């Protein structure tokens, strides 16, 4: 079985916190703890600058392909 996960550091820059509390990182960390394994990650991080909404500014984003054996569900 496979899952595609979006990973981003999108956050409000006025609130500096632990990156692992970021909703994208927290979701990925949770799936890894459930036994999912990273099969592929996009090689190029991108910058998405939304000057109209700084809360949505991203300096890192990637697509992560996770895999887990069907027997491990």
N, C-alpha and C. Protein backbone atom coordinates (compact mmCIF):
# COMPACT_ATOMS: atom_id res chain seq x y z
N UNK A 1 0.84 -1.15 0.00
CA UNK A 1 0.00 0.00 0.00
C UNK A 1 0.90 1.23 0.00
N UNK A 2 0.43 2.30 -0.64
CA UNK A 2 1.20 3.53 -0.72
C UNK A 2 0.34 4.73 -0.31
N UNK A 3 1.00 5.76 0.19
CA UNK A 3 0.36 7.03 0.52
C UNK A 3 1.27 8.14 0.04
N UNK A 4 0.67 9.20 -0.48
CA UNK A 4 1.41 10.39 -0.86
C UNK A 4 1.14 11.45 0.20
N UNK A 5 2.19 12.03 0.76
CA UNK A 5 2.07 13.01 1.83
C UNK A 5 2.75 14.30 1.40
N UNK A 6 2.08 15.41 1.63
CA UNK A 6 2.65 16.72 1.36
C UNK A 6 3.38 17.18 2.62
N UNK A 7 4.59 17.64 2.47
CA UNK A 7 5.41 18.07 3.59
C UNK A 7 5.78 19.53 3.37
N UNK A 8 5.55 20.37 4.36
CA UNK A 8 5.82 21.79 4.22
C UNK A 8 6.13 22.42 5.57
N UNK A 9 6.90 23.50 5.53
CA UNK A 9 7.15 24.23 6.76
C UNK A 9 6.23 25.45 6.86
N UNK A 10 5.13 25.43 6.14
CA UNK A 10 4.18 26.54 6.17
C UNK A 10 3.79 26.83 7.61
N UNK A 11 4.02 28.07 8.02
CA UNK A 11 3.72 28.43 9.39
C UNK A 11 3.68 29.95 9.51
N UNK A 12 3.16 30.40 10.59
CA UNK A 12 3.15 31.83 10.90
C UNK A 12 4.52 32.17 11.45
N UNK A 13 5.27 33.00 10.77
CA UNK A 13 6.64 33.31 11.19
C UNK A 13 6.69 34.13 12.47
N UNK A 14 5.55 34.64 12.94
CA UNK A 14 5.54 35.36 14.21
C UNK A 14 5.54 34.39 15.37
N UNK A 15 5.24 33.13 15.10
CA UNK A 15 5.20 32.10 16.15
C UNK A 15 6.29 31.08 15.89
N UNK A 16 7.41 31.24 16.53
CA UNK A 16 8.52 30.30 16.35
C UNK A 16 8.33 29.14 17.32
N UNK A 17 8.23 27.95 16.81
CA UNK A 17 8.03 26.78 17.64
C UNK A 17 8.82 25.60 17.13
N UNK A 18 8.62 24.48 17.75
CA UNK A 18 9.26 23.23 17.34
C UNK A 18 8.72 22.81 15.98
N UNK A 19 9.61 22.59 15.00
CA UNK A 19 9.19 22.23 13.65
C UNK A 19 8.37 20.93 13.66
N UNK A 20 8.59 20.06 14.63
CA UNK A 20 7.84 18.81 14.68
C UNK A 20 6.40 19.00 15.12
N UNK A 21 6.05 20.20 15.60
CA UNK A 21 4.67 20.52 15.93
C UNK A 21 3.91 21.03 14.71
N UNK A 22 4.64 21.32 13.63
CA UNK A 22 4.03 21.73 12.37
C UNK A 22 3.08 20.63 11.91
N UNK A 23 1.89 21.00 11.43
CA UNK A 23 0.87 19.99 11.10
C UNK A 23 1.34 18.98 10.04
N UNK A 24 2.16 19.42 9.09
CA UNK A 24 2.64 18.50 8.06
C UNK A 24 3.67 17.52 8.63
N UNK A 25 4.62 18.05 9.40
CA UNK A 25 5.65 17.21 10.00
C UNK A 25 5.03 16.26 11.03
N UNK A 26 4.07 16.76 11.82
CA UNK A 26 3.42 15.92 12.83
C UNK A 26 2.70 14.75 12.17
N UNK A 27 2.02 15.01 11.05
CA UNK A 27 1.31 13.94 10.34
C UNK A 27 2.30 12.91 9.80
N UNK A 28 3.37 13.37 9.19
CA UNK A 28 4.37 12.45 8.64
C UNK A 28 5.03 11.65 9.76
N UNK A 29 5.39 12.31 10.86
CA UNK A 29 6.00 11.61 11.99
C UNK A 29 5.06 10.54 12.54
N UNK A 30 3.76 10.84 12.61
CA UNK A 30 2.77 9.88 13.09
C UNK A 30 2.71 8.66 12.17
N UNK A 31 2.71 8.87 10.86
CA UNK A 31 2.68 7.75 9.92
C UNK A 31 3.95 6.90 10.03
N UNK A 32 5.10 7.54 10.21
CA UNK A 32 6.35 6.79 10.37
C UNK A 32 6.30 5.94 11.63
N UNK A 33 5.71 6.48 12.70
CA UNK A 33 5.58 5.71 13.93
C UNK A 33 4.63 4.53 13.76
N UNK A 34 3.71 4.62 12.80
CA UNK A 34 2.77 3.53 12.53
C UNK A 34 3.38 2.46 11.62
N UNK A 35 4.64 2.64 11.24
CA UNK A 35 5.31 1.62 10.44
C UNK A 35 5.44 1.93 8.97
N UNK A 36 4.96 3.09 8.52
CA UNK A 36 5.14 3.49 7.13
C UNK A 36 6.61 3.81 6.91
N UNK A 37 7.09 3.53 5.70
CA UNK A 37 8.49 3.79 5.35
C UNK A 37 8.53 4.73 4.15
N UNK A 38 9.52 5.63 4.14
CA UNK A 38 9.69 6.56 3.03
C UNK A 38 10.23 5.79 1.84
N UNK A 39 9.48 5.82 0.74
CA UNK A 39 9.89 5.17 -0.49
C UNK A 39 10.57 6.16 -1.42
N UNK A 40 10.07 7.39 -1.44
CA UNK A 40 10.62 8.42 -2.33
C UNK A 40 10.24 9.79 -1.79
N UNK A 41 11.11 10.74 -1.99
CA UNK A 41 10.82 12.13 -1.64
C UNK A 41 11.29 12.98 -2.82
N UNK A 42 10.51 14.00 -3.15
CA UNK A 42 10.90 14.84 -4.28
C UNK A 42 12.27 15.43 -3.99
N UNK A 43 13.17 15.42 -4.96
CA UNK A 43 14.55 15.83 -4.71
C UNK A 43 14.74 17.33 -4.57
N UNK A 44 13.83 18.12 -5.07
CA UNK A 44 14.02 19.57 -5.06
C UNK A 44 13.00 20.24 -4.17
N UNK A 45 13.46 20.89 -3.14
CA UNK A 45 12.59 21.70 -2.29
C UNK A 45 12.30 22.99 -3.05
N UNK A 46 11.15 23.55 -2.81
CA UNK A 46 10.76 24.77 -3.51
C UNK A 46 10.37 25.84 -2.52
N UNK A 47 10.42 27.07 -2.97
CA UNK A 47 9.96 28.19 -2.16
C UNK A 47 8.65 28.68 -2.73
N UNK A 48 7.63 28.74 -1.90
CA UNK A 48 6.33 29.26 -2.29
C UNK A 48 6.09 30.52 -1.48
N UNK A 49 6.21 31.65 -2.12
CA UNK A 49 6.11 32.93 -1.43
C UNK A 49 4.75 33.55 -1.74
N UNK A 50 3.91 33.62 -0.74
CA UNK A 50 2.60 34.23 -0.89
C UNK A 50 2.63 35.56 -0.14
N UNK A 51 3.01 36.63 -0.85
CA UNK A 51 3.15 37.92 -0.19
C UNK A 51 1.82 38.49 0.28
N UNK A 52 0.72 38.00 -0.27
CA UNK A 52 -0.61 38.46 0.15
C UNK A 52 -1.02 37.85 1.48
N UNK A 53 -0.46 36.69 1.81
CA UNK A 53 -0.80 35.99 3.05
C UNK A 53 0.47 35.37 3.63
N UNK A 54 1.21 36.12 4.45
CA UNK A 54 2.49 35.62 4.96
C UNK A 54 2.39 34.35 5.79
N UNK A 55 1.22 34.06 6.34
CA UNK A 55 1.04 32.84 7.13
C UNK A 55 1.24 31.61 6.24
N UNK A 56 0.95 31.75 4.96
CA UNK A 56 1.05 30.62 4.03
C UNK A 56 2.40 30.57 3.33
N UNK A 57 3.37 31.38 3.74
CA UNK A 57 4.69 31.38 3.13
C UNK A 57 5.41 30.07 3.46
N UNK A 58 6.04 29.50 2.45
CA UNK A 58 6.76 28.25 2.63
C UNK A 58 8.17 28.40 2.06
N UNK A 59 9.15 27.90 2.76
CA UNK A 59 10.51 27.87 2.22
C UNK A 59 10.93 26.44 1.91
N UNK A 60 10.10 25.49 2.30
CA UNK A 60 10.38 24.08 2.02
C UNK A 60 9.06 23.37 1.79
N UNK A 61 8.97 22.64 0.71
CA UNK A 61 7.82 21.77 0.50
C UNK A 61 8.27 20.60 -0.36
N UNK A 62 7.69 19.45 -0.12
CA UNK A 62 8.06 18.25 -0.86
C UNK A 62 6.89 17.27 -0.83
N UNK A 63 6.87 16.38 -1.78
CA UNK A 63 5.94 15.27 -1.78
C UNK A 63 6.71 14.03 -1.33
N UNK A 64 6.13 13.30 -0.41
CA UNK A 64 6.78 12.12 0.15
C UNK A 64 5.90 10.91 -0.16
N UNK A 65 6.47 9.89 -0.78
CA UNK A 65 5.75 8.65 -1.04
C UNK A 65 6.11 7.67 0.06
N UNK A 66 5.08 7.21 0.77
CA UNK A 66 5.26 6.24 1.85
C UNK A 66 4.74 4.89 1.40
N UNK A 67 5.34 3.84 1.90
CA UNK A 67 4.91 2.48 1.59
C UNK A 67 4.79 1.67 2.87
N UNK A 68 3.87 0.73 2.82
CA UNK A 68 3.68 -0.20 3.93
C UNK A 68 3.14 -1.50 3.33
N UNK A 69 3.69 -2.62 3.76
CA UNK A 69 3.18 -3.91 3.29
C UNK A 69 1.73 -4.07 3.68
N UNK A 70 0.92 -4.65 2.80
CA UNK A 70 -0.49 -4.87 3.10
C UNK A 70 -0.68 -5.71 4.34
N UNK A 71 0.25 -6.61 4.62
CA UNK A 71 0.15 -7.46 5.81
C UNK A 71 0.37 -6.67 7.10
N UNK A 72 0.99 -5.47 6.99
CA UNK A 72 1.28 -4.64 8.16
C UNK A 72 0.18 -3.63 8.46
N UNK A 73 -0.95 -3.70 7.77
CA UNK A 73 -2.03 -2.73 7.97
C UNK A 73 -2.56 -2.75 9.38
